[in-house]
Amino acid sequence: MLTRRAFLGAAAAAPLLSVSAGAAPPLRTFIPEERSLCGAARAAGRLYGCATANYELAMADFRPTLLREASVIVPEYEMKRDALEAAPGRYDFAAVDALVQFAQDQGLAFRGHTLVWHQSNPPWLEELVRRTRDERLFTGHIAAVMGRYKGRIGSWDVINEVLSPADGRADNLRNTFWLETFGPGYIDAALHAARAADPSAQLVYNDWGCEQAGPFYDRFRAATLKFLEGLKARGAPIDALGLQGHLAAFRGGIDEKALSRFLGEVKAMGLRVLVTELDVDDGSGPLDIAVRDRSVADITARFLDVVLASGAVDQVLTWGLSDRFLRKPTFEERLMGYAPRMLPLDDALERTAMWRAMMRAFAGVRA
């Protein structure tokens, strides 16, 4: 799958969005919501948003476009631990502060991503965890980050991608340095630390795969349900499941019936569902843009038709808004005429077939 993560890692050091309190009225004041994703979502009683970054918002044409289309933002890279804590206990919140202030100034909701993960950690963390076996290395991080933004960030991906049935454990947990050091109890401890840090925040378990088709993903859905049931039975504070929604236009697919049943069971547990990272990989397909656009729009529509019909989903976020910020095609890909089209807007900020499919889905027009 094409990824923005490496690109955003390098961009994390880019100049921050300049914010001057009270300098001007919010841009949203002047941008009508008609015929926008956030307007269509709001009309359906939901919120639409996307991942973004300071360097994107510094672009004069991008900022008003985002404000037209989105009512929720989430930082794709700035809040990951390797961007926040270069040395133990030495935090640099400047990049996140800028994003949170931008959201507050413009009337946007904000999601926190992510607090405990086995990736995107600073180089010193794993060795220190294994050597000291000190739970404060994750509970303290949660307290520091959530405590700083208490009351300003309403929803958090507290734990991210802890399931991996392929790792062969009876409990289906992923073999990570967190698990190897602290055992399964670290997950509950992280959630309790999050609840203590901000009792009013929505606490989310975020993962990928539950939307995919095939025997492996049937097993993944079953593992996810068992995991969530265990959290609820133990009294761990969990409010919602984050369904990432990384789809593929030409490889694999989605199983609408299995996904619908799965979402029904999650809802029956009293949990909400958020689509947190929706995008569509259009690789491995033909070069013809029209064909790729139709395939991207089709799988987007089929996915959203199911999740929106479930009655459990209040928010849909894409993992980015524009193809402009994806990994640039290689020289060979450019020679073949390939450029990715996996988000609602293309690299010129024009609306794509995916945008139109999302608009229809929010309006209840089924594919």
Protein backbone atom coordinates (compact mmCIF):
# COMPACT_ATOMS: atom_id res chain seq x y z
CA MET A 1 0.00 0.00 0.00
CA LEU A 2 1.23 3.50 -0.73
CA THR A 3 2.03 5.22 2.52
CA ARG A 4 2.51 8.73 3.79
CA ARG A 5 4.22 7.74 7.02
CA ALA A 6 7.84 8.01 5.89
CA PHE A 7 7.08 11.27 4.10
CA LEU A 8 5.38 12.70 7.17
CA GLY A 9 8.23 11.61 9.40
CA ALA A 10 10.60 13.79 7.41
CA ALA A 11 8.06 16.59 7.32
CA ALA A 12 7.61 16.64 11.08
CA ALA A 13 10.49 19.10 11.31
CA ALA A 14 8.91 21.46 8.79
CA PRO A 15 7.84 24.94 9.93
CA LEU A 16 4.77 24.92 12.13
CA LEU A 17 1.47 26.47 11.21
CA SER A 18 1.51 30.05 12.42
CA VAL A 19 -1.33 30.76 14.82
CA SER A 20 -2.10 34.17 16.25
CA ALA A 21 -5.02 34.17 18.65
CA GLY A 22 -7.74 36.60 17.69
CA ALA A 23 -5.94 37.77 14.58
CA ALA A 24 -8.84 37.06 12.22
CA PRO A 25 -12.28 35.47 12.19
CA PRO A 26 -12.30 31.70 11.61
CA LEU A 27 -11.95 30.76 7.95
CA ARG A 28 -14.97 28.48 8.35
CA THR A 29 -17.13 31.58 8.76
CA PHE A 30 -16.72 32.28 5.05
CA ILE A 31 -16.87 28.74 3.64
CA PRO A 32 -20.32 27.31 2.90
CA GLU A 33 -20.85 23.66 3.81
CA GLU A 34 -23.24 22.84 0.99
CA ARG A 35 -21.85 20.17 -1.25
CA SER A 36 -19.03 19.32 1.13
CA LEU A 37 -18.20 16.09 2.92
CA CYS A 38 -18.62 17.60 6.36
CA GLY A 39 -21.93 19.16 5.33
CA ALA A 40 -23.28 15.89 3.94
CA ALA A 41 -22.07 13.98 7.00
CA ARG A 42 -23.61 16.51 9.37
CA ALA A 43 -26.93 16.33 7.54
CA ALA A 44 -26.86 12.59 8.25
CA GLY A 45 -26.08 13.15 11.94
CA ARG A 46 -22.40 12.28 11.60
CA LEU A 47 -18.99 13.93 11.38
CA TYR A 48 -16.45 13.73 8.57
CA GLY A 49 -12.78 14.48 9.07
CA CYS A 50 -9.27 13.58 8.00
CA ALA A 51 -5.67 13.23 9.08
CA THR A 52 -3.54 16.30 8.48
CA ALA A 53 -0.22 17.89 9.41
CA ASN A 54 1.24 21.34 10.00
CA TYR A 55 3.13 21.44 6.71
CA GLU A 56 -0.11 20.76 4.83
CA LEU A 57 -1.97 23.52 6.63
CA ALA A 58 0.83 25.95 5.82
CA MET A 59 -0.12 25.67 2.13
CA ALA A 60 -2.36 28.59 1.19
CA ASP A 61 -4.66 26.56 -1.05
CA PHE A 62 -4.95 23.55 1.22
CA ARG A 63 -6.11 25.17 4.45
CA PRO A 64 -9.43 26.58 3.15
CA THR A 65 -10.02 23.35 1.25
CA LEU A 66 -9.69 21.31 4.44
CA LEU A 67 -11.99 23.72 6.28
CA ARG A 68 -14.58 23.36 3.53
CA GLU A 69 -14.55 19.56 3.62
CA ALA A 70 -13.75 18.49 7.21
CA SER A 71 -15.10 19.11 10.69
CA VAL A 72 -12.68 16.78 12.54
CA ILE A 73 -8.90 16.49 12.24
CA VAL A 74 -6.41 13.99 13.58
CA PRO A 75 -2.60 14.35 13.46
CA GLU A 76 -1.10 11.65 11.31
CA TYR A 77 2.42 11.98 12.67
CA GLU A 78 2.86 14.84 15.15
CA MET A 79 1.38 12.95 18.12
CA LYS A 80 3.27 9.70 17.63
CA ARG A 81 5.73 9.11 20.43
CA ASP A 82 8.92 9.38 18.39
CA ALA A 83 7.82 12.87 17.35
CA LEU A 84 6.93 13.91 20.91
CA GLU A 85 9.61 12.49 23.21
CA ALA A 86 13.15 12.55 21.82
CA ALA A 87 14.61 11.64 25.24
CA PRO A 88 12.95 10.12 28.32
CA GLY A 89 10.61 12.69 29.82
CA ARG A 90 11.72 15.44 27.43
CA TYR A 91 8.61 16.33 25.47
CA ASP A 92 8.22 18.77 22.60
CA PHE A 93 4.53 19.54 22.17
CA ALA A 94 4.96 22.51 19.81
CA ALA A 95 3.72 20.70 16.68
CA VAL A 96 0.67 19.23 18.41
CA ASP A 97 -0.08 22.51 20.17
CA ALA A 98 -0.21 24.24 16.78
CA LEU A 99 -2.67 21.72 15.38
CA VAL A 100 -4.88 21.76 18.47
CA GLN A 101 -4.92 25.56 18.48
CA PHE A 102 -5.80 25.61 14.77
CA ALA A 103 -8.68 23.22 15.41
CA GLN A 104 -9.92 25.27 18.33
CA ASP A 105 -9.70 28.55 16.40
CA GLN A 106 -11.57 27.10 13.43
CA GLY A 107 -14.26 25.21 15.34
CA LEU A 108 -12.97 21.75 14.43
CA ALA A 109 -13.17 18.66 16.61
CA PHE A 110 -9.84 16.91 17.28
CA ARG A 111 -8.89 13.24 17.71
CA GLY A 112 -5.74 12.03 19.48
CA HIS A 113 -3.60 9.38 17.73
CA THR A 114 -1.91 7.31 19.15
CA LEU A 115 -0.75 6.66 22.74
CA VAL A 116 0.46 3.04 22.98
CA TRP A 117 1.74 1.34 19.82
CA HIS A 118 4.60 -0.98 18.94
CA GLN A 119 5.75 1.28 16.10
CA SER A 120 6.77 4.96 15.72
CA ASN A 121 8.51 4.97 19.09
CA PRO A 122 11.76 6.80 19.93
CA PRO A 123 14.92 4.65 19.64
CA TRP A 124 15.56 4.63 23.39
CA LEU A 125 12.12 3.35 24.45
CA GLU A 126 12.18 -0.41 23.82
CA GLU A 127 15.55 -1.00 25.52
CA LEU A 128 14.48 1.05 28.55
CA VAL A 129 11.17 -0.80 28.80
CA ARG A 130 12.89 -4.19 28.72
CA ARG A 131 15.56 -3.15 31.21
CA THR A 132 13.44 -1.38 33.82
CA ARG A 133 10.07 -3.12 33.39
CA ASP A 134 8.49 0.09 34.65
CA GLU A 135 4.82 0.50 33.72
CA ARG A 136 5.18 4.25 34.08
CA LEU A 137 6.92 4.20 30.70
CA PHE A 138 3.47 3.92 29.15
CA THR A 139 1.10 5.04 31.90
CA GLY A 140 3.21 8.14 32.49
CA HIS A 141 3.25 8.90 28.78
CA ILE A 142 -0.54 8.65 28.66
CA ALA A 143 -0.88 10.93 31.68
CA ALA A 144 1.53 13.50 30.21
CA VAL A 145 -0.05 13.68 26.77
CA MET A 146 -3.72 13.34 27.66
CA GLY A 147 -3.29 15.56 30.69
CA ARG A 148 -1.91 18.38 28.55
CA TYR A 149 -4.96 18.34 26.28
CA LYS A 150 -7.61 17.41 28.83
CA GLY A 151 -10.95 18.82 27.76
CA ARG A 152 -9.60 19.86 24.34
CA ILE A 153 -9.39 16.46 22.63
CA GLY A 154 -12.61 14.47 22.79
CA SER A 155 -11.52 11.09 21.41
CA TRP A 156 -8.25 9.14 21.67
CA ASP A 157 -6.75 6.06 20.02
CA VAL A 158 -5.35 4.77 23.30
CA ILE A 159 -4.07 1.42 22.08
CA ASN A 160 -3.28 0.65 18.47
CA GLU A 161 -3.02 -2.66 16.59
CA VAL A 162 -2.46 -5.09 19.47
CA LEU A 163 -4.09 -8.05 17.71
CA SER A 164 -2.34 -10.47 15.34
CA PRO A 165 -3.86 -13.97 15.13
CA ALA A 166 -0.97 -14.98 12.86
CA ASP A 167 1.43 -14.66 15.82
CA GLY A 168 -0.01 -17.90 17.17
CA ARG A 169 -1.04 -16.92 20.69
CA ALA A 170 -4.28 -18.32 22.13
CA ASP A 171 -5.36 -14.78 23.04
CA ASN A 172 -4.52 -13.52 19.50
CA LEU A 173 -2.36 -10.70 20.86
CA ARG A 174 0.51 -9.36 18.80
CA ASN A 175 4.01 -10.25 20.05
CA THR A 176 5.47 -6.84 20.88
CA PHE A 177 7.97 -5.54 23.41
CA TRP A 178 5.02 -4.24 25.43
CA LEU A 179 3.46 -7.70 25.66
CA GLU A 180 6.77 -9.49 26.25
CA THR A 181 7.66 -7.14 29.10
CA PHE A 182 4.35 -6.58 30.89
CA GLY A 183 2.06 -9.37 29.71
CA PRO A 184 -1.52 -8.82 28.52
CA GLY A 185 -2.34 -6.65 31.52
CA TYR A 186 -0.59 -3.67 29.95
CA ILE A 187 -3.63 -3.10 27.72
CA ASP A 188 -6.04 -2.74 30.63
CA ALA A 189 -3.51 -0.63 32.51
CA ALA A 190 -3.21 1.74 29.54
CA LEU A 191 -6.98 2.17 29.34
CA HIS A 192 -7.30 2.80 33.07
CA ALA A 193 -4.49 5.38 32.86
CA ALA A 194 -6.32 7.08 30.00
CA ARG A 195 -9.59 7.23 31.90
CA ALA A 196 -7.80 8.74 34.89
CA ALA A 197 -6.06 11.31 32.69
CA ASP A 198 -9.31 12.58 31.13
CA PRO A 199 -12.52 10.99 32.46
CA SER A 200 -14.65 12.69 29.79
CA ALA A 201 -12.68 11.54 26.73
CA GLN A 202 -13.80 8.75 24.41
CA LEU A 203 -11.30 5.86 24.66
CA VAL A 204 -10.81 3.91 21.43
CA TYR A 205 -9.12 0.66 20.46
CA ASN A 206 -7.89 1.17 16.88
CA ASP A 207 -7.03 -1.62 14.39
CA TRP A 208 -7.17 -2.70 10.77
CA GLY A 209 -8.50 -5.82 9.02
CA CYS A 210 -12.06 -6.14 10.31
CA GLU A 211 -13.40 -4.78 7.02
CA GLN A 212 -11.55 -7.23 4.75
CA ALA A 213 -12.82 -10.37 2.99
CA GLY A 214 -11.38 -13.86 3.37
CA PRO A 215 -10.72 -16.60 5.96
CA PHE A 216 -7.85 -14.74 7.64
CA TYR A 217 -10.05 -11.72 8.20
CA ASP A 218 -12.94 -13.88 9.43
CA ARG A 219 -10.50 -15.03 12.09
CA PHE A 220 -9.43 -11.45 12.75
CA ARG A 221 -13.04 -10.33 13.26
CA ALA A 222 -13.63 -13.20 15.70
CA ALA A 223 -10.43 -12.33 17.56
CA THR A 224 -11.46 -8.68 17.78
CA LEU A 225 -14.86 -9.52 19.20
CA LYS A 226 -13.29 -11.85 21.79
CA PHE A 227 -10.78 -9.16 22.71
CA LEU A 228 -13.45 -6.48 23.15
CA GLU A 229 -15.65 -8.85 25.14
CA GLY A 230 -12.70 -9.54 27.45
CA LEU A 231 -12.10 -5.85 28.03
CA LYS A 232 -15.75 -5.30 28.87
CA ALA A 233 -15.89 -8.34 31.18
CA ARG A 234 -12.84 -7.14 33.12
CA GLY A 235 -14.23 -3.64 33.50
CA ALA A 236 -11.53 -2.03 31.39
CA PRO A 237 -12.69 1.43 30.25
CA ILE A 238 -13.31 1.20 26.51
CA ASP A 239 -15.84 3.28 24.61
CA ALA A 240 -15.35 2.56 20.93
CA LEU A 241 -13.63 0.54 18.23
CA GLY A 242 -11.61 2.34 15.59
CA LEU A 243 -12.15 0.65 12.23
CA GLN A 244 -9.23 1.87 10.16
CA GLY A 245 -10.67 1.11 6.73
CA HIS A 246 -7.53 0.69 4.64
CA LEU A 247 -9.19 -0.75 1.53
CA ALA A 248 -7.79 -2.04 -1.76
CA ALA A 249 -9.44 -1.45 -5.11
CA PHE A 250 -7.95 -4.42 -6.99
CA ARG A 251 -6.61 -6.84 -4.36
CA GLY A 252 -8.89 -8.49 -1.85
CA GLY A 253 -12.16 -6.74 -1.10
CA ILE A 254 -14.74 -6.47 1.63
CA ASP A 255 -17.29 -8.97 2.87
CA GLU A 256 -20.39 -6.84 3.39
CA LYS A 257 -22.40 -9.51 5.21
CA ALA A 258 -19.58 -10.47 7.55
CA LEU A 259 -18.80 -6.81 8.24
CA SER A 260 -22.44 -6.03 8.96
CA ARG A 261 -22.70 -8.92 11.44
CA PHE A 262 -19.45 -7.87 13.08
CA LEU A 263 -20.57 -4.26 13.54
CA GLY A 264 -23.87 -5.44 14.97
CA GLU A 265 -22.03 -7.48 17.60
CA VAL A 266 -19.78 -4.56 18.48
CA LYS A 267 -22.81 -2.30 18.86
CA ALA A 268 -24.54 -4.91 21.04
CA MET A 269 -21.63 -4.63 23.49
CA GLY A 270 -22.51 -0.98 23.99
CA LEU A 271 -19.52 0.26 21.98
CA ARG A 272 -19.48 2.89 19.25
CA VAL A 273 -17.49 2.54 16.04
CA LEU A 274 -15.38 5.16 14.29
CA VAL A 275 -13.93 4.85 10.79
CA THR A 276 -10.52 6.29 11.60
CA GLU A 277 -8.19 5.94 8.59
CA LEU A 278 -10.17 5.35 5.41
CA ASP A 279 -8.22 5.25 2.16
CA VAL A 280 -8.17 3.02 -0.92
CA ASP A 281 -5.02 1.54 -2.41
CA ASP A 282 -5.45 1.68 -6.18
CA GLY A 283 -2.17 -0.08 -6.98
CA SER A 284 -2.03 -3.36 -8.93
CA GLY A 285 -4.74 -2.10 -11.24
CA PRO A 286 -4.86 -0.69 -14.76
CA LEU A 287 -3.31 2.66 -15.61
CA ASP A 288 -6.58 3.98 -16.99
CA ILE A 289 -7.67 6.63 -14.47
CA ALA A 290 -11.36 6.18 -15.23
CA VAL A 291 -11.16 2.44 -14.48
CA ARG A 292 -9.24 3.01 -11.27
CA ASP A 293 -11.61 5.75 -10.17
CA ARG A 294 -14.62 3.49 -10.71
CA SER A 295 -13.03 0.73 -8.63
CA VAL A 296 -12.02 3.10 -5.83
CA ALA A 297 -15.50 4.62 -5.75
CA ASP A 298 -17.16 1.20 -5.80
CA ILE A 299 -15.32 -0.24 -2.80
CA THR A 300 -15.67 3.04 -0.90
CA ALA A 301 -19.43 3.02 -1.46
CA ARG A 302 -19.84 -0.64 -0.53
CA PHE A 303 -17.81 -0.16 2.66
CA LEU A 304 -19.61 3.00 3.75
CA ASP A 305 -23.04 1.61 2.91
CA VAL A 306 -22.43 -1.16 5.45
CA VAL A 307 -20.84 0.88 8.22
CA LEU A 308 -23.32 3.75 8.01
CA ALA A 309 -26.28 1.34 8.00
CA SER A 310 -24.98 -0.30 11.19
CA GLY A 311 -26.17 2.55 13.40
CA ALA A 312 -22.91 2.33 15.36
CA VAL A 313 -20.80 4.82 13.39
CA ASP A 314 -20.77 8.52 14.27
CA GLN A 315 -17.51 9.62 12.60
CA VAL A 316 -15.77 8.84 9.32
CA LEU A 317 -12.19 10.03 8.88
CA THR A 318 -9.98 9.50 5.86
CA TRP A 319 -6.23 9.06 6.26
CA GLY A 320 -5.55 12.33 4.56
CA LEU A 321 -7.68 14.50 2.32
CA SER A 322 -5.64 14.95 -0.85
CA ASP A 323 -3.44 12.71 -3.00
CA ARG A 324 -0.99 15.62 -3.11
CA PHE A 325 0.72 14.34 0.02
CA LEU A 326 1.06 10.67 -0.87
CA ARG A 327 4.38 9.09 -1.70
CA LYS A 328 5.43 10.43 -5.06
CA PRO A 329 5.38 7.89 -7.89
CA THR A 330 8.71 6.40 -8.85
CA PHE A 331 10.34 7.29 -12.15
CA GLU A 332 9.10 4.01 -13.65
CA GLU A 333 5.55 4.66 -12.40
CA ARG A 334 5.58 8.13 -13.92
CA LEU A 335 6.74 6.70 -17.24
CA MET A 336 3.76 4.36 -17.17
CA GLY A 337 1.43 7.24 -16.35
CA TYR A 338 0.56 6.07 -12.84
CA ALA A 339 -0.26 8.45 -9.99
CA PRO A 340 -2.22 7.34 -6.91
CA ARG A 341 -5.88 8.26 -6.52
CA MET A 342 -6.79 6.95 -3.09
CA LEU A 343 -8.32 9.93 -1.26
CA PRO A 344 -11.32 12.27 -1.73
CA LEU A 345 -9.28 15.00 -3.46
CA ASP A 346 -6.56 14.64 -6.09
CA ASP A 347 -3.18 16.36 -6.06
CA ALA A 348 -4.74 19.52 -7.51
CA LEU A 349 -7.40 19.47 -4.73
CA GLU A 350 -10.11 18.57 -7.23
CA ARG A 351 -12.83 16.24 -6.02
CA THR A 352 -12.42 12.62 -7.09
CA ALA A 353 -14.79 9.73 -7.71
CA MET A 354 -14.13 8.70 -4.11
CA TRP A 355 -15.44 12.09 -2.91
CA ARG A 356 -18.61 11.60 -4.93
CA ALA A 357 -19.07 8.07 -3.58
CA MET A 358 -18.73 9.37 -0.03
CA MET A 359 -21.25 12.12 -0.67
CA ARG A 360 -23.78 9.58 -1.96
CA ALA A 361 -23.14 7.30 1.01
CA PHE A 362 -23.70 10.11 3.54
CA ALA A 363 -26.92 10.99 1.69
CA GLY A 364 -28.11 7.39 1.94
CA VAL A 365 -27.90 6.69 -1.79
CA ARG A 366 -26.72 3.09 -1.91
CA ALA A 367 -24.24 1.85 -4.49
